[in-house]
PDB file of N, CA and C in Angstrom:
ATOM      1  N   MET A   1      19.911  -1.540  -4.502  1.00  0.00           N
ATOM      2  CA  MET A   1      19.426  -1.935  -3.763  1.00  0.00           C
ATOM      3  C   MET A   1      20.013  -0.635  -2.404  1.00  0.00           C
ATOM      4  N   ARG A   2      21.578  -1.011  -2.470  1.00  0.00           N
ATOM      5  CA  ARG A   2      21.814  -0.037  -1.657  1.00  0.00           C
ATOM      6  C   ARG A   2      21.830   1.046  -1.742  1.00  0.00           C
ATOM      7  N   ALA A   3      21.622   1.760  -2.774  1.00  0.00           N
ATOM      8  CA  ALA A   3      20.978   3.048  -3.316  1.00  0.00           C
ATOM      9  C   ALA A   3      20.049   3.308  -2.431  1.00  0.00           C
ATOM     10  N   THR A   4      18.927   2.605  -2.704  1.00  0.00           N
ATOM     11  CA  THR A   4      17.743   2.713  -2.462  1.00  0.00           C
ATOM     12  C   THR A   4      17.670   2.737  -0.833  1.00  0.00           C
ATOM     13  N   PHE A   5      18.174   1.962  -0.100  1.00  0.00           N
ATOM     14  CA  PHE A   5      18.959   1.661   1.311  1.00  0.00           C
ATOM     15  C   PHE A   5      19.376   3.242   2.004  1.00  0.00           C
ATOM     16  N   TYR A   6      20.165   3.978   1.416  1.00  0.00           N
ATOM     17  CA  TYR A   6      20.627   4.536   1.941  1.00  0.00           C
ATOM     18  C   TYR A   6      19.707   6.280   1.671  1.00  0.00           C
ATOM     19  N   ARG A   7      18.855   5.840   0.279  1.00  0.00           N
ATOM     20  CA  ARG A   7      17.751   7.269   0.114  1.00  0.00           C
ATOM     21  C   ARG A   7      16.778   6.981   1.282  1.00  0.00           C
ATOM     22  N   ARG A   8      15.942   6.236   1.430  1.00  0.00           N
ATOM     23  CA  ARG A   8      15.735   5.855   2.566  1.00  0.00           C
ATOM     24  C   ARG A   8      16.017   6.343   3.829  1.00  0.00           C
ATOM     25  N   PHE A   9      17.451   6.250   4.018  1.00  0.00           N
ATOM     26  CA  PHE A   9      17.918   6.364   5.643  1.00  0.00           C
ATOM     27  C   PHE A   9      18.185   7.824   5.477  1.00  0.00           C
ATOM     28  N   ILE A  10      18.479   8.618   4.304  1.00  0.00           N
ATOM     29  CA  ILE A  10      18.566   9.978   4.299  1.00  0.00           C
ATOM     30  C   ILE A  10      17.078  10.776   4.650  1.00  0.00           C
ATOM     31  N   LEU A  11      16.485  10.204   4.063  1.00  0.00           N
ATOM     32  CA  LEU A  11      14.620  10.402   3.982  1.00  0.00           C
ATOM     33  C   LEU A  11      14.112  10.178   5.338  1.00  0.00           C
ATOM     34  N   LEU A  12      15.084   9.274   5.939  1.00  0.00           N
ATOM     35  CA  LEU A  12      14.341   9.043   7.564  1.00  0.00           C
ATOM     36  C   LEU A  12      14.971  10.359   8.664  1.00  0.00           C
ATOM     37  N   ILE A  13      16.306  10.434   8.080  1.00  0.00           N
ATOM     38  CA  ILE A  13      16.766  11.178   9.191  1.00  0.00           C
ATOM     39  C   ILE A  13      16.347  12.486   8.652  1.00  0.00           C
ATOM     40  N   SER A  14      15.755  12.960   7.585  1.00  0.00           N
ATOM     41  CA  SER A  14      16.010  14.542   7.467  1.00  0.00           C
ATOM     42  C   SER A  14      14.181  14.528   8.056  1.00  0.00           C
ATOM     43  N   ILE A  15      13.339  13.670   7.906  1.00  0.00           N
ATOM     44  CA  ILE A  15      12.271  13.565   8.274  1.00  0.00           C
ATOM     45  C   ILE A  15      12.222  13.289  10.133  1.00  0.00           C
ATOM     46  N   ILE A  16      12.790  12.993  10.702  1.00  0.00           N
ATOM     47  CA  ILE A  16      13.355  13.218  11.657  1.00  0.00           C
ATOM     48  C   ILE A  16      13.352  14.543  12.313  1.00  0.00           C
ATOM     49  N   LEU A  17      14.875  15.506  11.702  1.00  0.00           N
ATOM     50  CA  LEU A  17      14.995  16.438  11.772  1.00  0.00           C
ATOM     51  C   LEU A  17      13.993  17.374  11.462  1.00  0.00           C
ATOM     52  N   VAL A  18      13.138  17.505  10.902  1.00  0.00           N
ATOM     53  CA  VAL A  18      11.995  18.548  10.469  1.00  0.00           C
ATOM     54  C   VAL A  18      11.229  18.464  11.273  1.00  0.00           C
ATOM     55  N   THR A  19      10.735  17.024  12.044  1.00  0.00           N
ATOM     56  CA  THR A  19       9.489  17.008  12.793  1.00  0.00           C
ATOM     57  C   THR A  19       9.914  16.636  14.266  1.00  0.00           C
ATOM     58  N   ALA A  20      10.970  16.990  14.675  1.00  0.00           N
ATOM     59  CA  ALA A  20      11.187  16.759  15.774  1.00  0.00           C
ATOM     60  C   ALA A  20      10.131  17.114  16.727  1.00  0.00           C
ATOM     61  N   ARG A  21       9.549  18.138  17.007  1.00  0.00           N
ATOM     62  CA  ARG A  21       9.037  18.966  17.359  1.00  0.00           C
ATOM     63  C   ARG A  21       7.088  18.354  17.919  1.00  0.00           C
ATOM     64  N   LYS A  22       6.752  17.478  16.495  1.00  0.00           N
ATOM     65  CA  LYS A  22       5.694  17.130  16.213  1.00  0.00           C
ATOM     66  C   LYS A  22       5.516  15.584  16.931  1.00  0.00           C
ATOM     67  N   GLY A  23       4.687  15.610  17.987  1.00  0.00           N
ATOM     68  CA  GLY A  23       4.901  14.272  18.740  1.00  0.00           C
ATOM     69  C   GLY A  23       4.516  12.784  18.105  1.00  0.00           C
ATOM     70  N   PRO A  24       3.434  12.386  17.481  1.00  0.00           N
ATOM     71  CA  PRO A  24       3.093  11.056  17.338  1.00  0.00           C
ATOM     72  C   PRO A  24       3.953  10.954  15.749  1.00  0.00           C
ATOM     73  N   LEU A  25       4.258  11.531  15.450  1.00  0.00           N
ATOM     74  CA  LEU A  25       4.953  11.222  14.208  1.00  0.00           C
ATOM     75  C   LEU A  25       6.529  10.386  14.254  1.00  0.00           C
ATOM     76  N   PHE A  26       6.890  11.728  15.103  1.00  0.00           N
ATOM     77  CA  PHE A  26       8.497  11.735  15.629  1.00  0.00           C
ATOM     78  C   PHE A  26       8.938  10.408  16.772  1.00  0.00           C
ATOM     79  N   LYS A  27       7.421  10.142  17.143  1.00  0.00           N
ATOM     80  CA  LYS A  27       7.812   8.847  18.113  1.00  0.00           C
ATOM     81  C   LYS A  27       7.708   7.619  16.850  1.00  0.00           C
ATOM     82  N   GLU A  28       7.062   7.796  16.457  1.00  0.00           N
ATOM     83  CA  GLU A  28       6.909   6.195  15.786  1.00  0.00           C
ATOM     84  C   GLU A  28       8.283   6.423  14.849  1.00  0.00           C
ATOM     85  N   ILE A  29       8.696   7.230  14.474  1.00  0.00           N
ATOM     86  CA  ILE A  29      10.139   7.469  13.547  1.00  0.00           C
ATOM     87  C   ILE A  29      11.336   6.773  14.516  1.00  0.00           C
ATOM     88  N   PHE A  30      11.428   7.453  15.628  1.00  0.00           N
ATOM     89  CA  PHE A  30      11.842   7.051  16.939  1.00  0.00           C
ATOM     90  C   PHE A  30      12.077   5.478  17.376  1.00  0.00           C
ATOM     91  N   MET A  31      10.954   5.284  17.084  1.00  0.00           N
ATOM     92  CA  MET A  31      10.775   4.138  17.338  1.00  0.00           C
ATOM     93  C   MET A  31      11.674   2.740  16.008  1.00  0.00           C
ATOM     94  N   ARG A  32      11.274   3.299  14.949  1.00  0.00           N
ATOM     95  CA  ARG A  32      11.410   2.186  13.893  1.00  0.00           C
ATOM     96  C   ARG A  32      13.097   2.372  13.600  1.00  0.00           C
ATOM     97  N   CYS A  33      13.487   3.627  14.003  1.00  0.00           N
ATOM     98  CA  CYS A  33      15.049   3.570  14.077  1.00  0.00           C
ATOM     99  C   CYS A  33      15.442   3.173  15.018  1.00  0.00           C
ATOM    100  N   ARG A  34      14.958   2.772  16.502  1.00  0.00           N
ATOM    101  CA  ARG A  34      15.276   1.791  17.615  1.00  0.00           C
ATOM    102  C   ARG A  34      15.697   0.305  17.353  1.00  0.00           C
ATOM    103  N   HIS A  35      14.462  -0.361  16.440  1.00  0.00           N
ATOM    104  CA  HIS A  35      14.628  -0.996  16.148  1.00  0.00           C
ATOM    105  C   HIS A  35      15.683  -1.688  14.807  1.00  0.00           C
ATOM    106  N   PHE A  36      15.857  -0.367  14.346  1.00  0.00           N
ATOM    107  CA  PHE A  36      17.219  -0.600  13.326  1.00  0.00           C
ATOM    108  C   PHE A  36      18.411  -0.792  13.848  1.00  0.00           C
ATOM    109  N   VAL A  37      18.801   0.139  15.075  1.00  0.00           N
ATOM    110  CA  VAL A  37      20.233   0.178  15.967  1.00  0.00           C
ATOM    111  C   VAL A  37      19.863  -1.293  16.524  1.00  0.00           C
ATOM    112  N   ARG A  38      18.777  -1.883  17.320  1.00  0.00           N
ATOM    113  CA  ARG A  38      18.940  -3.078  17.961  1.00  0.00           C
ATOM    114  C   ARG A  38      19.417  -3.768  17.030  1.00  0.00           C
ATOM    115  N   ASN A  39      19.277  -4.162  15.903  1.00  0.00           N
ATOM    116  CA  ASN A  39      19.079  -5.210  14.746  1.00  0.00           C
ATOM    117  C   ASN A  39      20.643  -4.891  14.699  1.00  0.00           C
ATOM    118  N   PHE A  40      21.349  -3.761  14.651  1.00  0.00           N
ATOM    119  CA  PHE A  40      22.627  -3.033  13.891  1.00  0.00           C
ATOM    120  C   PHE A  40      23.469  -3.822  15.104  1.00  0.00           C
ATOM    121  N   VAL A  41      23.125  -3.429  16.388  1.00  0.00           N
ATOM    122  CA  VAL A  41      24.130  -4.012  17.223  1.00  0.00           C
ATOM    123  C   VAL A  41      24.250  -6.173  17.360  1.00  0.00           C
ATOM    124  N   ARG A  42      22.801  -6.246  17.269  1.00  0.00           N
ATOM    125  CA  ARG A  42      23.268  -7.907  17.594  1.00  0.00           C
ATOM    126  C   ARG A  42      23.932  -8.758  15.870  1.00  0.00           C
ATOM    127  N   MET A  43      23.714  -7.549  14.913  1.00  0.00           N
ATOM    128  CA  MET A  43      24.720  -8.065  13.660  1.00  0.00           C
ATOM    129  C   MET A  43      25.934  -8.008  14.418  1.00  0.00           C
ATOM    130  N   LEU A  44      26.085  -6.627  14.886  1.00  0.00           N
ATOM    131  CA  LEU A  44      28.007  -6.706  15.271  1.00  0.00           C
ATOM    132  C   LEU A  44      28.365  -7.936  16.475  1.00  0.00           C
ATOM    133  N   ALA A  45      27.349  -8.051  17.078  1.00  0.00           N
ATOM    134  CA  ALA A  45      28.010  -9.239  18.000  1.00  0.00           C
ATOM    135  C   ALA A  45      27.764  -9.999  17.402  1.00  0.00           C
ATOM    136  N   CYS A  46      27.015 -10.574  16.804  1.00  0.00           N
ATOM    137  CA  CYS A  46      27.422 -12.052  16.279  1.00  0.00           C
ATOM    138  C   CYS A  46      29.047 -11.959  14.973  1.00  0.00           C
ATOM    139  N   CYS A  47      29.180 -10.943  14.670  1.00  0.00           N
ATOM    140  CA  CYS A  47      30.364 -10.709  14.007  1.00  0.00           C
ATOM    141  C   CYS A  47      31.606 -11.141  15.016  1.00  0.00           C
ATOM    142  N   ALA A  48      31.213  -9.937  16.211  1.00  0.00           N
ATOM    143  CA  ALA A  48      32.517 -10.723  17.156  1.00  0.00           C
ATOM    144  C   ALA A  48      32.479 -12.091  17.717  1.00  0.00           C
ATOM    145  N   LEU A  49      31.565 -12.945  17.910  1.00  0.00           N
ATOM    146  CA  LEU A  49      31.420 -13.952  18.018  1.00  0.00           C
ATOM    147  C   LEU A  49      32.076 -15.260  16.772  1.00  0.00           C
ATOM    148  N   VAL A  50      31.741 -14.544  15.810  1.00  0.00           N
ATOM    149  CA  VAL A  50      32.565 -15.406  14.634  1.00  0.00           C
ATOM    150  C   VAL A  50      33.646 -15.643  14.555  1.00  0.00           C
ATOM    151  N   ALA A  51      34.349 -14.140  14.733  1.00  0.00           N
ATOM    152  CA  ALA A  51      35.597 -13.848  14.552  1.00  0.00           C
ATOM    153  C   ALA A  51      36.406 -14.662  15.871  1.00  0.00           C
ATOM    154  N   CYS A  52      35.496 -14.539  17.142  1.00  0.00           N
ATOM    155  CA  CYS A  52      36.107 -14.862  18.418  1.00  0.00           C
ATOM    156  C   CYS A  52      36.315 -16.774  17.690  1.00  0.00           C
ATOM    157  N   TRP A  53      35.857 -17.030  17.396  1.00  0.00           N
ATOM    158  CA  TRP A  53      35.624 -18.489  17.232  1.00  0.00           C
ATOM    159  C   TRP A  53      36.879 -18.730  16.136  1.00  0.00           C
ATOM    160  N   THR A  54      36.749 -17.862  15.369  1.00  0.00           N
ATOM    161  CA  THR A  54      37.919 -18.047  14.255  1.00  0.00           C
ATOM    162  C   THR A  54      39.026 -18.297  15.081  1.00  0.00           C
ATOM    163  N   ALA A  55      39.316 -17.141  15.919  1.00  0.00           N
ATOM    164  CA  ALA A  55      40.613 -17.164  16.247  1.00  0.00           C
ATOM    165  C   ALA A  55      41.052 -18.299  17.216  1.00  0.00           C
ATOM    166  N   ILE A  56      39.911 -18.529  17.933  1.00  0.00           N
ATOM    167  CA  ILE A  56      40.038 -19.944  18.963  1.00  0.00           C
ATOM    168  C   ILE A  56      40.122 -21.050  18.028  1.00  0.00           C
ATOM    169  N   ALA A  57      39.956 -21.512  16.809  1.00  0.00           N
ATOM    170  CA  ALA A  57      39.468 -22.566  16.312  1.00  0.00           C
ATOM    171  C   ALA A  57      41.235 -22.226  15.180  1.00  0.00           C
ATOM    172  N   ALA A  58      41.796 -21.450  15.145  1.00  0.00           N
ATOM    173  CA  ALA A  58      43.470 -21.450  14.790  1.00  0.00           C
ATOM    174  C   ALA A  58      44.085 -21.574  15.713  1.00  0.00           C
ATOM    175  N   ALA A  59      43.779 -20.744  16.801  1.00  0.00           N
ATOM    176  CA  ALA A  59      44.641 -21.290  18.157  1.00  0.00           C
ATOM    177  C   ALA A  59      44.506 -23.063  18.646  1.00  0.00           C
ATOM    178  N   ALA A  60      43.599 -23.911  18.109  1.00  0.00           N
ATOM    179  CA  ALA A  60      43.887 -25.166  17.968  1.00  0.00           C
ATOM    180  C   ALA A  60      44.705 -25.931  17.571  1.00  0.00           C
ATOM    181  N   SER A  61      45.048 -25.512  16.260  1.00  0.00           N
ATOM    182  CA  SER A  61      46.407 -25.958  15.675  1.00  0.00           C
ATOM    183  C   SER A  61      47.364 -25.674  16.287  1.00  0.00           C
ATOM    184  N   ASP A  62      47.636 -25.263  17.126  1.00  0.00           N
ATOM    185  CA  ASP A  62      49.290 -24.833  17.864  1.00  0.00           C
ATOM    186  C   ASP A  62      49.237 -26.052  18.845  1.00  0.00           C
ATOM    187  N   LEU A  63      48.862 -26.990  18.922  1.00  0.00           N
ATOM    188  CA  LEU A  63      49.577 -28.375  19.574  1.00  0.00           C
ATOM    189  C   LEU A  63      50.252 -29.065  19.593  1.00  0.00           C
ATOM    190  N   THR A  64      51.130 -29.775  19.704  1.00  0.00           N
ATOM    191  CA  THR A  64      51.896 -30.891  19.598  1.00  0.00           C
ATOM    192  C   THR A  64      51.540 -31.706  20.831  1.00  0.00           C
ATOM    193  N   PHE A  65      51.640 -33.322  19.909  1.00  0.00           N
ATOM    194  CA  PHE A  65      51.469 -34.116  20.710  1.00  0.00           C
ATOM    195  C   PHE A  65      52.293 -35.077  21.371  1.00  0.00           C
ATOM    196  N   CYS A  66      52.702 -35.732  22.100  1.00  0.00           N
ATOM    197  CA  CYS A  66      53.466 -36.959  22.576  1.00  0.00           C
ATOM    198  C   CYS A  66      53.087 -38.023  23.234  1.00  0.00           C
ATOM    199  N   CYS A  67      52.683 -39.232  22.390  1.00  0.00           N
ATOM    200  CA  CYS A  67      52.104 -40.334  22.469  1.00  0.00           C
ATOM    201  C   CYS A  67      52.551 -40.888  21.314  1.00  0.00           C
ATOM    202  N   ALA A  68      52.121 -42.019  21.547  1.00  0.00           N
ATOM    203  CA  ALA A  68      52.197 -43.267  20.560  1.00  0.00           C
ATOM    204  C   ALA A  68      51.373 -42.920  19.153  1.00  0.00           C
ATOM    205  N   PRO A  69      51.651 -43.358  17.945  1.00  0.00           N
ATOM    206  CA  PRO A  69      51.081 -43.447  17.129  1.00  0.00           C
ATOM    207  C   PRO A  69      49.405 -43.955  16.862  1.00  0.00           C
ATOM    208  N   ASP A  70      49.404 -44.735  17.626  1.00  0.00           N
ATOM    209  CA  ASP A  70      47.692 -45.161  17.671  1.00  0.00           C
ATOM    210  C   ASP A  70      47.222 -44.877  18.641  1.00  0.00           C
ATOM    211  N   ASN A  71      47.543 -43.647  19.910  1.00  0.00           N
ATOM    212  CA  ASN A  71      46.697 -43.147  20.541  1.00  0.00           C
ATOM    213  C   ASN A  71      45.489 -42.768  20.029  1.00  0.00           C
ATOM    214  N   ASP A  72      44.254 -43.201  20.920  1.00  0.00           N
ATOM    215  CA  ASP A  72      42.838 -43.092  20.470  1.00  0.00           C
ATOM    216  C   ASP A  72      42.596 -41.620  19.894  1.00  0.00           C
ATOM    217  N   LEU A  73      42.912 -40.029  21.046  1.00  0.00           N
ATOM    218  CA  LEU A  73      42.764 -38.879  20.841  1.00  0.00           C
ATOM    219  C   LEU A  73      43.480 -38.705  19.368  1.00  0.00           C
ATOM    220  N   TYR A  74      44.773 -38.967  19.499  1.00  0.00           N
ATOM    221  CA  TYR A  74      45.774 -38.523  18.378  1.00  0.00           C
ATOM    222  C   TYR A  74      44.919 -38.596  16.547  1.00  0.00           C
ATOM    223  N   ARG A  75      44.674 -40.317  17.318  1.00  0.00           N
ATOM    224  CA  ARG A  75      43.459 -40.423  15.688  1.00  0.00           C
ATOM    225  C   ARG A  75      42.136 -39.274  14.901  1.00  0.00           C
ATOM    226  N   VAL A  76      41.710 -39.562  16.582  1.00  0.00           N
ATOM    227  CA  VAL A  76      40.273 -38.374  15.878  1.00  0.00           C
ATOM    228  C   VAL A  76      40.836 -37.334  15.736  1.00  0.00           C
ATOM    229  N   MET A  77      41.634 -36.588  16.624  1.00  0.00           N
ATOM    230  CA  MET A  77      42.150 -35.205  16.107  1.00  0.00           C
ATOM    231  C   MET A  77      42.394 -35.230  14.655  1.00  0.00           C
ATOM    232  N   THR A  78      43.226 -36.086  14.249  1.00  0.00           N
ATOM    233  CA  THR A  78      43.790 -36.377  12.883  1.00  0.00           C
ATOM    234  C   THR A  78      43.100 -37.246  11.690  1.00  0.00           C
ATOM    235  N   ALA A  79      41.788 -37.243  12.030  1.00  0.00           N
ATOM    236  CA  ALA A  79      40.965 -38.446  11.406  1.00  0.00           C
ATOM    237  C   ALA A  79      40.494 -37.412   9.694  1.00  0.00           C
ATOM    238  N   ASP A  80      39.770 -36.274  10.172  1.00  0.00           N
ATOM    239  CA  ASP A  80      39.710 -35.439   9.229  1.00  0.00           C
ATOM    240  C   ASP A  80      40.951 -34.842   8.237  1.00  0.00           C
ATOM    241  N   GLY A  81      42.228 -35.246   8.338  1.00  0.00           N
ATOM    242  CA  GLY A  81      42.924 -34.765   7.437  1.00  0.00           C
ATOM    243  C   GLY A  81      44.088 -33.027   8.452  1.00  0.00           C
ATOM    244  N   ALA A  82      43.307 -33.041   9.261  1.00  0.00           N
ATOM    245  CA  ALA A  82      44.539 -32.274  10.150  1.00  0.00           C
ATOM    246  C   ALA A  82      45.889 -32.420  10.583  1.00  0.00           C
ATOM    247  N   VAL A  83      46.786 -32.181  10.692  1.00  0.00           N
ATOM    248  CA  VAL A  83      48.151 -32.370  10.320  1.00  0.00           C
ATOM    249  C   VAL A  83      48.780 -31.765  11.562  1.00  0.00           C
ATOM    250  N   TYR A  84      49.041 -32.516  12.856  1.00  0.00           N
ATOM    251  CA  TYR A  84      49.063 -32.256  14.118  1.00  0.00           C
ATOM    252  C   TYR A  84      50.958 -32.761  14.771  1.00  0.00           C
ATOM    253  N   PRO A  85      52.038 -32.379  14.820  1.00  0.00           N
ATOM    254  CA  PRO A  85      52.885 -32.802  15.011  1.00  0.00           C
ATOM    255  C   PRO A  85      52.845 -33.910  16.131  1.00  0.00           C
ATOM    256  N   ARG A  86      53.744 -34.842  15.982  1.00  0.00           N
ATOM    257  CA  ARG A  86      53.556 -35.789  17.377  1.00  0.00           C
ATOM    258  C   ARG A  86      54.951 -36.530  17.328  1.00  0.00           C
ATOM    259  N   CYS A  87      55.430 -36.117  18.269  1.00  0.00           N
ATOM    260  CA  CYS A  87      56.435 -36.460  18.788  1.00  0.00           C
ATOM    261  C   CYS A  87      56.599 -37.834  20.060  1.00  0.00           C
ATOM    262  N   ASP A  88      57.947 -38.425  20.181  1.00  0.00           N
ATOM    263  CA  ASP A  88      57.962 -39.513  21.224  1.00  0.00           C
ATOM    264  C   ASP A  88      57.615 -39.431  22.265  1.00  0.00           C
ATOM    265  N   THR A  89      58.643 -38.550  22.759  1.00  0.00           N
ATOM    266  CA  THR A  89      59.142 -38.146  24.364  1.00  0.00           C
ATOM    267  C   THR A  89      58.675 -36.474  24.466  1.00  0.00           C
ATOM    268  N   PRO A  90      58.783 -36.481  26.012  1.00  0.00           N
ATOM    269  CA  PRO A  90      58.154 -35.211  26.383  1.00  0.00           C
ATOM    270  C   PRO A  90      58.817 -34.307  25.874  1.00  0.00           C
ATOM    271  N   ALA A  91      60.599 -34.459  25.820  1.00  0.00           N
ATOM    272  CA  ALA A  91      61.304 -33.139  25.526  1.00  0.00           C
ATOM    273  C   ALA A  91      61.334 -32.741  24.075  1.00  0.00           C
ATOM    274  N   GLU A  92      61.132 -33.951  23.524  1.00  0.00           N
ATOM    275  CA  GLU A  92      61.382 -33.608  22.026  1.00  0.00           C
ATOM    276  C   GLU A  92      60.077 -33.016  22.013  1.00  0.00           C
ATOM    277  N   ALA A  93      58.824 -32.979  22.407  1.00  0.00           N
ATOM    278  CA  ALA A  93      57.444 -32.373  21.858  1.00  0.00           C
ATOM    279  C   ALA A  93      57.719 -30.616  22.357  1.00  0.00           C
ATOM    280  N   VAL A  94      58.341 -30.658  23.449  1.00  0.00           N
ATOM    281  CA  VAL A  94      58.545 -29.088  24.461  1.00  0.00           C
ATOM    282  C   VAL A  94      59.077 -28.243  23.396  1.00  0.00           C
ATOM    283  N   ARG A  95      60.303 -28.940  22.428  1.00  0.00           N
ATOM    284  CA  ARG A  95      61.217 -28.352  21.849  1.00  0.00           C
ATOM    285  C   ARG A  95      60.752 -28.119  20.551  1.00  0.00           C
ATOM    286  N   THR A  96      59.536 -28.785  19.950  1.00  0.00           N
ATOM    287  CA  THR A  96      59.254 -28.770  18.623  1.00  0.00           C
ATOM    288  C   THR A  96      58.220 -27.834  18.727  1.00  0.00           C
ATOM    289  N   ALA A  97      57.343 -27.811  19.678  1.00  0.00           N
ATOM    290  CA  ALA A  97      56.078 -27.364  19.891  1.00  0.00           C
ATOM    291  C   ALA A  97      56.147 -25.543  19.756  1.00  0.00           C
ATOM    292  N   PRO A  98      55.480 -24.332  19.212  1.00  0.00           N
ATOM    293  CA  PRO A  98      55.961 -23.251  18.656  1.00  0.00           C
ATOM    294  C   PRO A  98      55.179 -22.809  20.406  1.00  0.00           C
ATOM    295  N   ASN A  99      56.229 -21.883  20.386  1.00  0.00           N
ATOM    296  CA  ASN A  99      55.546 -20.007  20.918  1.00  0.00           C
ATOM    297  C   ASN A  99      54.092 -19.599  21.488  1.00  0.00           C
ATOM    298  N   GLY A 100      53.831 -19.900  22.507  1.00  0.00           N
ATOM    299  CA  GLY A 100      52.471 -20.273  23.173  1.00  0.00           C
ATOM    300  C   GLY A 100      51.176 -21.124  22.661  1.00  0.00           C
ATOM    301  N   GLY A 101      52.469 -22.796  21.877  1.00  0.00           N
ATOM    302  CA  GLY A 101      51.254 -23.707  21.385  1.00  0.00           C
ATOM    303  C   GLY A 101      51.178 -24.572  22.600  1.00  0.00           C
ATOM    304  N   GLY A 102      50.165 -25.897  23.000  1.00  0.00           N
ATOM    305  CA  GLY A 102      50.097 -26.427  23.756  1.00  0.00           C
ATOM    306  C   GLY A 102      51.027 -27.743  23.569  1.00  0.00           C
ATOM    307  N   VAL A 103      51.067 -28.273  24.587  1.00  0.00           N
ATOM    308  CA  VAL A 103      51.856 -29.817  24.217  1.00  0.00           C
ATOM    309  C   VAL A 103      50.874 -30.535  24.994  1.00  0.00           C
ATOM    310  N   LEU A 104      50.552 -32.166  24.407  1.00  0.00           N
ATOM    311  CA  LEU A 104      49.516 -32.265  24.941  1.00  0.00           C
ATOM    312  C   LEU A 104      50.467 -34.151  25.087  1.00  0.00           C
ATOM    313  N   ILE A 105      50.617 -34.416  26.447  1.00  0.00           N
ATOM    314  CA  ILE A 105      51.553 -35.735  26.516  1.00  0.00           C
ATOM    315  C   ILE A 105      50.485 -36.862  27.078  1.00  0.00           C
ATOM    316  N   LEU A 106      50.498 -37.696  26.256  1.00  0.00           N
ATOM    317  CA  LEU A 106      49.379 -38.568  26.336  1.00  0.00           C
ATOM    318  C   LEU A 106      50.101 -40.275  26.848  1.00  0.00           C
ATOM    319  N   ALA A 107      49.438 -41.053  26.957  1.00  0.00           N
ATOM    320  CA  ALA A 107      49.900 -42.484  27.684  1.00  0.00           C
ATOM    321  C   ALA A 107      50.121 -43.060  26.576  1.00  0.00           C
TER     322      ALA A 107
END
């Protein structure tokens, strides 16, 4: 299937080069290429969004909690099996937090 796509793409480029000075056919080919480029840019934008979302999700795991074991936020965050460090004192939480990580001091 890829070979067919590449053949069609090469054929399209060669037709564009041959008919560059002939009006309606060139305009139609140009319009088709414009849609291809627009869809390609959209796909790249989606990939960039997914990459950013993945980075944000990875950064969210750098949280250290300072709270009671039965704190409602801590229970919700660990309910799906995620593991977050929990400390009893703020000083201990700051010491155990990774560089660039967040410390949540909760009641």
